[in-house]
């Protein structure tokens, strides 16, 4: 049976907005993936959603995908005379944040897929996302490893260029707003932001995990 794939893609993306959750958490979202697989694969190829292949029951919507889905949902299913003005304001704010984030760091589709499908998969709250990152880093970071301070932070005594040994993750409750790692500092051990550190490890998994977190921070994402 022949059909208009672009039209199907458009309506499916609109319906993904309807079944999306965590919409209030930011511009991106997750959506249940109970739709035609070929259509989902095309939407993934267009950069609107994460790779639908996997055990997760939902897919991640990219920032562009979420905004497009919202636009299409309103186009096809909402009477223009009764559109919620607050919805329009929300879209404007979201687009503003999108532009700011893109200035900070270009979107990396492969890294986005890994974050959405491995790290924050099916995480519906800030606490669940925080724990997703915590256990991902705890599993991937091969410690101890050497790191170099890249920026100053008010919560850390480290100075740019200073090298330290990362020896572990901080406690879970200390990583609810951002990730902290334990470093050797003289005769003591300190908890410092991972975002403050450049990874000097030679272990590929460690390098990738630190880079994933740096990307998340650089893009302006939050739990």
C-alpha atoms as a PDB file:
ATOM      1  CA  UNK A   1       0.000   0.000   0.000  1.00  0.00           C
ATOM      2  CA  UNK A   2       1.376   3.363  -1.015  1.00  0.00           C
ATOM      3  CA  UNK A   3       0.821   6.341   1.240  1.00  0.00           C
ATOM      4  CA  UNK A   4       2.191   9.819   1.888  1.00  0.00           C
ATOM      5  CA  UNK A   5       5.066   9.141   4.307  1.00  0.00           C
ATOM      6  CA  UNK A   6       5.628  12.828   5.057  1.00  0.00           C
ATOM      7  CA  UNK A   7       1.964  13.230   6.045  1.00  0.00           C
ATOM      8  CA  UNK A   8       2.122  10.154   8.277  1.00  0.00           C
ATOM      9  CA  UNK A   9       5.362  11.412   9.843  1.00  0.00           C
ATOM     10  CA  UNK A  10       3.754  14.787  10.500  1.00  0.00           C
ATOM     11  CA  UNK A  11       0.682  13.372  12.215  1.00  0.00           C
ATOM     12  CA  UNK A  12       2.704  10.832  14.196  1.00  0.00           C
ATOM     13  CA  UNK A  13       5.020  13.557  15.476  1.00  0.00           C
ATOM     14  CA  UNK A  14       1.953  15.583  16.478  1.00  0.00           C
ATOM     15  CA  UNK A  15       0.578  12.594  18.414  1.00  0.00           C
ATOM     16  CA  UNK A  16       3.945  12.062  20.098  1.00  0.00           C
ATOM     17  CA  UNK A  17       3.410  15.478  21.645  1.00  0.00           C
ATOM     18  CA  UNK A  18       0.060  14.268  22.992  1.00  0.00           C
ATOM     19  CA  UNK A  19       1.641  11.258  24.741  1.00  0.00           C
ATOM     20  CA  UNK A  20       4.835  13.047  25.816  1.00  0.00           C
ATOM     21  CA  UNK A  21       5.689  13.289  29.478  1.00  0.00           C
ATOM     22  CA  UNK A  22       8.094  15.456  31.518  1.00  0.00           C
ATOM     23  CA  UNK A  23       7.105  18.336  29.267  1.00  0.00           C
ATOM     24  CA  UNK A  24       7.280  20.781  32.175  1.00  0.00           C
ATOM     25  CA  UNK A  25      10.890  19.803  32.832  1.00  0.00           C
ATOM     26  CA  UNK A  26      12.281  21.600  29.785  1.00  0.00           C
ATOM     27  CA  UNK A  27      12.129  21.849  26.025  1.00  0.00           C
ATOM     28  CA  UNK A  28      12.807  18.185  25.409  1.00  0.00           C
ATOM     29  CA  UNK A  29      10.581  15.335  26.560  1.00  0.00           C
ATOM     30  CA  UNK A  30      10.021  11.601  26.358  1.00  0.00           C
ATOM     31  CA  UNK A  31       7.073   9.989  24.585  1.00  0.00           C
ATOM     32  CA  UNK A  32       5.592   6.499  24.488  1.00  0.00           C
ATOM     33  CA  UNK A  33       6.690   4.786  21.281  1.00  0.00           C
ATOM     34  CA  UNK A  34       3.584   2.741  20.420  1.00  0.00           C
ATOM     35  CA  UNK A  35       3.609   3.826  16.780  1.00  0.00           C
ATOM     36  CA  UNK A  36       4.617   2.333  13.428  1.00  0.00           C
ATOM     37  CA  UNK A  37       8.314   1.396  13.526  1.00  0.00           C
ATOM     38  CA  UNK A  38       9.107   2.628  10.023  1.00  0.00           C
ATOM     39  CA  UNK A  39       7.610   5.998  10.894  1.00  0.00           C
ATOM     40  CA  UNK A  40       9.591   6.224  14.130  1.00  0.00           C
ATOM     41  CA  UNK A  41      12.782   5.360  12.268  1.00  0.00           C
ATOM     42  CA  UNK A  42      12.099   8.146   9.761  1.00  0.00           C
ATOM     43  CA  UNK A  43      11.478  10.628  12.581  1.00  0.00           C
ATOM     44  CA  UNK A  44      14.754   9.518  14.132  1.00  0.00           C
ATOM     45  CA  UNK A  45      16.498  10.062  10.799  1.00  0.00           C
ATOM     46  CA  UNK A  46      15.054  13.576  10.660  1.00  0.00           C
ATOM     47  CA  UNK A  47      16.517  14.355  14.071  1.00  0.00           C
ATOM     48  CA  UNK A  48      13.185  14.686  15.915  1.00  0.00           C
ATOM     49  CA  UNK A  49      13.493  11.708  18.279  1.00  0.00           C
ATOM     50  CA  UNK A  50      16.151   9.415  19.695  1.00  0.00           C
ATOM     51  CA  UNK A  51      16.790   5.960  18.250  1.00  0.00           C
ATOM     52  CA  UNK A  52      13.569   3.961  18.884  1.00  0.00           C
ATOM     53  CA  UNK A  53      15.431   0.638  18.876  1.00  0.00           C
ATOM     54  CA  UNK A  54      15.885  -0.606  22.418  1.00  0.00           C
ATOM     55  CA  UNK A  55      14.112  -2.032  25.451  1.00  0.00           C
ATOM     56  CA  UNK A  56      12.783   1.304  26.664  1.00  0.00           C
ATOM     57  CA  UNK A  57       9.051   1.853  26.260  1.00  0.00           C
ATOM     58  CA  UNK A  58       9.563   5.488  25.317  1.00  0.00           C
ATOM     59  CA  UNK A  59      11.751   7.589  23.037  1.00  0.00           C
ATOM     60  CA  UNK A  60      13.446  10.890  23.719  1.00  0.00           C
ATOM     61  CA  UNK A  61      12.299  13.943  21.792  1.00  0.00           C
ATOM     62  CA  UNK A  62      15.026  16.353  20.786  1.00  0.00           C
ATOM     63  CA  UNK A  63      14.482  20.038  21.410  1.00  0.00           C
ATOM     64  CA  UNK A  64      13.691  20.582  17.736  1.00  0.00           C
ATOM     65  CA  UNK A  65      11.430  17.552  17.744  1.00  0.00           C
ATOM     66  CA  UNK A  66       9.480  18.697  20.780  1.00  0.00           C
ATOM     67  CA  UNK A  67       8.922  22.184  19.352  1.00  0.00           C
ATOM     68  CA  UNK A  68       7.899  20.779  15.955  1.00  0.00           C
ATOM     69  CA  UNK A  69       5.559  18.260  17.580  1.00  0.00           C
ATOM     70  CA  UNK A  70       3.905  21.010  19.602  1.00  0.00           C
ATOM     71  CA  UNK A  71       3.488  23.144  16.464  1.00  0.00           C
ATOM     72  CA  UNK A  72       1.956  20.266  14.501  1.00  0.00           C
ATOM     73  CA  UNK A  73      -0.350  19.220  17.342  1.00  0.00           C
ATOM     74  CA  UNK A  74      -1.751  22.737  17.567  1.00  0.00           C
ATOM     75  CA  UNK A  75      -2.046  22.911  13.781  1.00  0.00           C
ATOM     76  CA  UNK A  76      -4.046  19.689  13.423  1.00  0.00           C
ATOM     77  CA  UNK A  77      -5.936  19.313  16.697  1.00  0.00           C
ATOM     78  CA  UNK A  78      -6.504  22.707  18.337  1.00  0.00           C
ATOM     79  CA  UNK A  79      -8.955  25.377  17.255  1.00  0.00           C
ATOM     80  CA  UNK A  80      -6.937  28.544  16.703  1.00  0.00           C
ATOM     81  CA  UNK A  81      -9.644  30.615  18.389  1.00  0.00           C
ATOM     82  CA  UNK A  82      -9.211  28.683  21.618  1.00  0.00           C
ATOM     83  CA  UNK A  83      -5.438  28.255  21.791  1.00  0.00           C
ATOM     84  CA  UNK A  84      -4.023  28.817  25.235  1.00  0.00           C
ATOM     85  CA  UNK A  85      -1.987  32.027  25.298  1.00  0.00           C
ATOM     86  CA  UNK A  86       0.225  30.581  27.986  1.00  0.00           C
ATOM     87  CA  UNK A  87       1.096  27.769  25.570  1.00  0.00           C
ATOM     88  CA  UNK A  88       2.348  30.338  23.066  1.00  0.00           C
ATOM     89  CA  UNK A  89       4.432  32.025  25.757  1.00  0.00           C
ATOM     90  CA  UNK A  90       5.849  28.650  26.776  1.00  0.00           C
ATOM     91  CA  UNK A  91       6.914  27.985  23.197  1.00  0.00           C
ATOM     92  CA  UNK A  92       8.583  31.401  22.961  1.00  0.00           C
ATOM     93  CA  UNK A  93      10.523  30.777  26.162  1.00  0.00           C
ATOM     94  CA  UNK A  94      11.519  27.324  24.945  1.00  0.00           C
ATOM     95  CA  UNK A  95      12.765  28.691  21.620  1.00  0.00           C
ATOM     96  CA  UNK A  96      14.767  31.335  23.476  1.00  0.00           C
ATOM     97  CA  UNK A  97      16.482  28.683  25.589  1.00  0.00           C
ATOM     98  CA  UNK A  98      17.056  26.583  22.480  1.00  0.00           C
ATOM     99  CA  UNK A  99      18.949  29.427  20.781  1.00  0.00           C
ATOM    100  CA  UNK A 100      21.036  30.044  23.889  1.00  0.00           C
ATOM    101  CA  UNK A 101      21.929  26.353  24.199  1.00  0.00           C
ATOM    102  CA  UNK A 102      22.910  26.051  20.561  1.00  0.00           C
ATOM    103  CA  UNK A 103      25.300  28.977  21.003  1.00  0.00           C
ATOM    104  CA  UNK A 104      26.974  27.099  23.843  1.00  0.00           C
ATOM    105  CA  UNK A 105      27.291  23.681  22.236  1.00  0.00           C
ATOM    106  CA  UNK A 106      26.171  22.189  18.931  1.00  0.00           C
ATOM    107  CA  UNK A 107      23.858  19.214  19.257  1.00  0.00           C
ATOM    108  CA  UNK A 108      25.597  15.849  18.809  1.00  0.00           C
ATOM    109  CA  UNK A 109      22.975  13.293  17.688  1.00  0.00           C
ATOM    110  CA  UNK A 110      25.010  10.216  18.627  1.00  0.00           C
ATOM    111  CA  UNK A 111      25.710  11.550  22.114  1.00  0.00           C
ATOM    112  CA  UNK A 112      22.078  12.646  22.490  1.00  0.00           C
ATOM    113  CA  UNK A 113      20.960   9.108  21.625  1.00  0.00           C
ATOM    114  CA  UNK A 114      23.286   7.597  24.216  1.00  0.00           C
ATOM    115  CA  UNK A 115      22.131   9.979  26.938  1.00  0.00           C
ATOM    116  CA  UNK A 116      18.451   9.442  26.175  1.00  0.00           C
ATOM    117  CA  UNK A 117      18.607   5.674  25.677  1.00  0.00           C
ATOM    118  CA  UNK A 118      21.192   4.717  28.310  1.00  0.00           C
ATOM    119  CA  UNK A 119      21.469   7.393  30.988  1.00  0.00           C
ATOM    120  CA  UNK A 120      18.104   9.088  31.523  1.00  0.00           C
ATOM    121  CA  UNK A 121      15.969   6.445  29.834  1.00  0.00           C
ATOM    122  CA  UNK A 122      12.462   6.319  31.363  1.00  0.00           C
ATOM    123  CA  UNK A 123      13.497   8.872  34.001  1.00  0.00           C
ATOM    124  CA  UNK A 124      10.381  10.929  34.689  1.00  0.00           C
ATOM    125  CA  UNK A 125      11.562  13.226  37.490  1.00  0.00           C
ATOM    126  CA  UNK A 126      14.605  15.274  38.416  1.00  0.00           C
ATOM    127  CA  UNK A 127      15.559  12.711  41.065  1.00  0.00           C
ATOM    128  CA  UNK A 128      15.377   9.825  38.585  1.00  0.00           C
ATOM    129  CA  UNK A 129      17.510  11.727  36.069  1.00  0.00           C
ATOM    130  CA  UNK A 130      20.035  12.563  38.767  1.00  0.00           C
ATOM    131  CA  UNK A 131      20.236   8.904  39.757  1.00  0.00           C
ATOM    132  CA  UNK A 132      20.527   7.863  36.106  1.00  0.00           C
ATOM    133  CA  UNK A 133      23.585  10.064  35.711  1.00  0.00           C
ATOM    134  CA  UNK A 134      25.014   8.996  39.064  1.00  0.00           C
ATOM    135  CA  UNK A 135      24.924   5.273  38.352  1.00  0.00           C
ATOM    136  CA  UNK A 136      26.051   5.721  34.750  1.00  0.00           C
ATOM    137  CA  UNK A 137      29.161   7.616  35.849  1.00  0.00           C
ATOM    138  CA  UNK A 138      29.761   5.303  38.781  1.00  0.00           C
ATOM    139  CA  UNK A 139      29.749   2.376  36.359  1.00  0.00           C
ATOM    140  CA  UNK A 140      31.830   3.975  33.578  1.00  0.00           C
ATOM    141  CA  UNK A 141      34.501   5.967  35.430  1.00  0.00           C
ATOM    142  CA  UNK A 142      37.607   3.836  35.930  1.00  0.00           C
ATOM    143  CA  UNK A 143      39.077   5.303  39.106  1.00  0.00           C
ATOM    144  CA  UNK A 144      41.476   6.553  40.159  1.00  0.00           C
ATOM    145  CA  UNK A 145      42.298   8.761  37.175  1.00  0.00           C
ATOM    146  CA  UNK A 146      44.079  12.048  36.698  1.00  0.00           C
ATOM    147  CA  UNK A 147      42.103  15.188  35.926  1.00  0.00           C
ATOM    148  CA  UNK A 148      42.999  18.806  35.352  1.00  0.00           C
ATOM    149  CA  UNK A 149      40.984  21.755  36.625  1.00  0.00           C
ATOM    150  CA  UNK A 150      39.583  23.674  33.664  1.00  0.00           C
ATOM    151  CA  UNK A 151      37.595  26.486  35.287  1.00  0.00           C
ATOM    152  CA  UNK A 152      37.198  28.115  38.681  1.00  0.00           C
ATOM    153  CA  UNK A 153      34.114  27.328  40.759  1.00  0.00           C
ATOM    154  CA  UNK A 154      32.978  29.018  43.947  1.00  0.00           C
ATOM    155  CA  UNK A 155      32.337  25.602  45.495  1.00  0.00           C
ATOM    156  CA  UNK A 156      35.889  24.373  44.848  1.00  0.00           C
ATOM    157  CA  UNK A 157      39.395  25.531  45.875  1.00  0.00           C
ATOM    158  CA  UNK A 158      40.953  24.139  42.680  1.00  0.00           C
ATOM    159  CA  UNK A 159      42.561  26.529  40.216  1.00  0.00           C
ATOM    160  CA  UNK A 160      42.763  26.181  36.410  1.00  0.00           C
ATOM    161  CA  UNK A 161      45.663  23.968  35.383  1.00  0.00           C
ATOM    162  CA  UNK A 162      45.861  22.172  38.720  1.00  0.00           C
ATOM    163  CA  UNK A 163      46.028  18.376  38.380  1.00  0.00           C
ATOM    164  CA  UNK A 164      44.436  16.021  40.907  1.00  0.00           C
ATOM    165  CA  UNK A 165      43.543  12.370  41.304  1.00  0.00           C
ATOM    166  CA  UNK A 166      39.842  11.519  41.064  1.00  0.00           C
ATOM    167  CA  UNK A 167      39.281   8.661  43.489  1.00  0.00           C
ATOM    168  CA  UNK A 168      35.509   8.213  43.627  1.00  0.00           C
ATOM    169  CA  UNK A 169      32.007   9.581  43.352  1.00  0.00           C
ATOM    170  CA  UNK A 170      30.592  11.851  46.024  1.00  0.00           C
ATOM    171  CA  UNK A 171      27.594  10.571  47.989  1.00  0.00           C
ATOM    172  CA  UNK A 172      24.309  10.280  46.110  1.00  0.00           C
ATOM    173  CA  UNK A 173      22.601  13.060  48.067  1.00  0.00           C
ATOM    174  CA  UNK A 174      25.433  15.425  47.125  1.00  0.00           C
ATOM    175  CA  UNK A 175      24.780  14.853  43.417  1.00  0.00           C
ATOM    176  CA  UNK A 176      21.116  15.822  43.257  1.00  0.00           C
ATOM    177  CA  UNK A 177      21.787  19.166  41.531  1.00  0.00           C
ATOM    178  CA  UNK A 178      24.984  18.286  39.661  1.00  0.00           C
ATOM    179  CA  UNK A 179      27.660  15.591  39.694  1.00  0.00           C
ATOM    180  CA  UNK A 180      30.463  15.828  42.246  1.00  0.00           C
ATOM    181  CA  UNK A 181      33.531  13.585  42.380  1.00  0.00           C
ATOM    182  CA  UNK A 182      36.051  12.994  45.154  1.00  0.00           C
ATOM    183  CA  UNK A 183      39.621  14.183  44.569  1.00  0.00           C
ATOM    184  CA  UNK A 184      42.802  13.989  46.599  1.00  0.00           C
ATOM    185  CA  UNK A 185      43.680  17.451  47.916  1.00  0.00           C
ATOM    186  CA  UNK A 186      46.762  17.418  50.092  1.00  0.00           C
ATOM    187  CA  UNK A 187      46.110  15.073  52.980  1.00  0.00           C
ATOM    188  CA  UNK A 188      42.356  15.220  52.590  1.00  0.00           C
ATOM    189  CA  UNK A 189      39.649  14.309  50.083  1.00  0.00           C
ATOM    190  CA  UNK A 190      37.320  16.913  48.598  1.00  0.00           C
ATOM    191  CA  UNK A 191      34.109  16.760  46.597  1.00  0.00           C
ATOM    192  CA  UNK A 192      34.383  18.980  43.496  1.00  0.00           C
ATOM    193  CA  UNK A 193      32.111  19.406  40.434  1.00  0.00           C
ATOM    194  CA  UNK A 194      32.925  16.983  37.618  1.00  0.00           C
ATOM    195  CA  UNK A 195      32.109  19.797  35.192  1.00  0.00           C
ATOM    196  CA  UNK A 196      35.157  21.616  36.558  1.00  0.00           C
ATOM    197  CA  UNK A 197      37.552  18.856  35.490  1.00  0.00           C
ATOM    198  CA  UNK A 198      39.184  17.823  32.212  1.00  0.00           C
ATOM    199  CA  UNK A 199      39.717  14.071  32.046  1.00  0.00           C
ATOM    200  CA  UNK A 200      43.331  12.944  31.509  1.00  0.00           C
ATOM    201  CA  UNK A 201      42.569   9.239  31.730  1.00  0.00           C
ATOM    202  CA  UNK A 202      43.555   6.902  28.909  1.00  0.00           C
ATOM    203  CA  UNK A 203      40.507   4.680  29.469  1.00  0.00           C
ATOM    204  CA  UNK A 204      38.002   5.198  26.626  1.00  0.00           C
ATOM    205  CA  UNK A 205      34.932   4.585  28.798  1.00  0.00           C
ATOM    206  CA  UNK A 206      36.101   7.146  31.333  1.00  0.00           C
ATOM    207  CA  UNK A 207      36.881   9.719  28.645  1.00  0.00           C
ATOM    208  CA  UNK A 208      33.473   9.216  27.028  1.00  0.00           C
ATOM    209  CA  UNK A 209      31.547   9.346  30.313  1.00  0.00           C
ATOM    210  CA  UNK A 210      33.181  12.607  31.391  1.00  0.00           C
ATOM    211  CA  UNK A 211      32.604  14.057  27.917  1.00  0.00           C
ATOM    212  CA  UNK A 212      28.923  13.046  28.128  1.00  0.00           C
ATOM    213  CA  UNK A 213      28.517  14.971  31.374  1.00  0.00           C
ATOM    214  CA  UNK A 214      30.406  17.999  30.022  1.00  0.00           C
ATOM    215  CA  UNK A 215      28.098  17.963  26.986  1.00  0.00           C
ATOM    216  CA  UNK A 216      24.975  17.813  29.179  1.00  0.00           C
ATOM    217  CA  UNK A 217      26.192  20.822  31.174  1.00  0.00           C
ATOM    218  CA  UNK A 218      27.358  22.766  28.094  1.00  0.00           C
ATOM    219  CA  UNK A 219      23.961  22.301  26.444  1.00  0.00           C
ATOM    220  CA  UNK A 220      22.287  23.821  29.465  1.00  0.00           C
ATOM    221  CA  UNK A 221      20.299  20.675  30.302  1.00  0.00           C
ATOM    222  CA  UNK A 222      18.987  20.208  33.815  1.00  0.00           C
ATOM    223  CA  UNK A 223      17.699  17.275  35.834  1.00  0.00           C
END
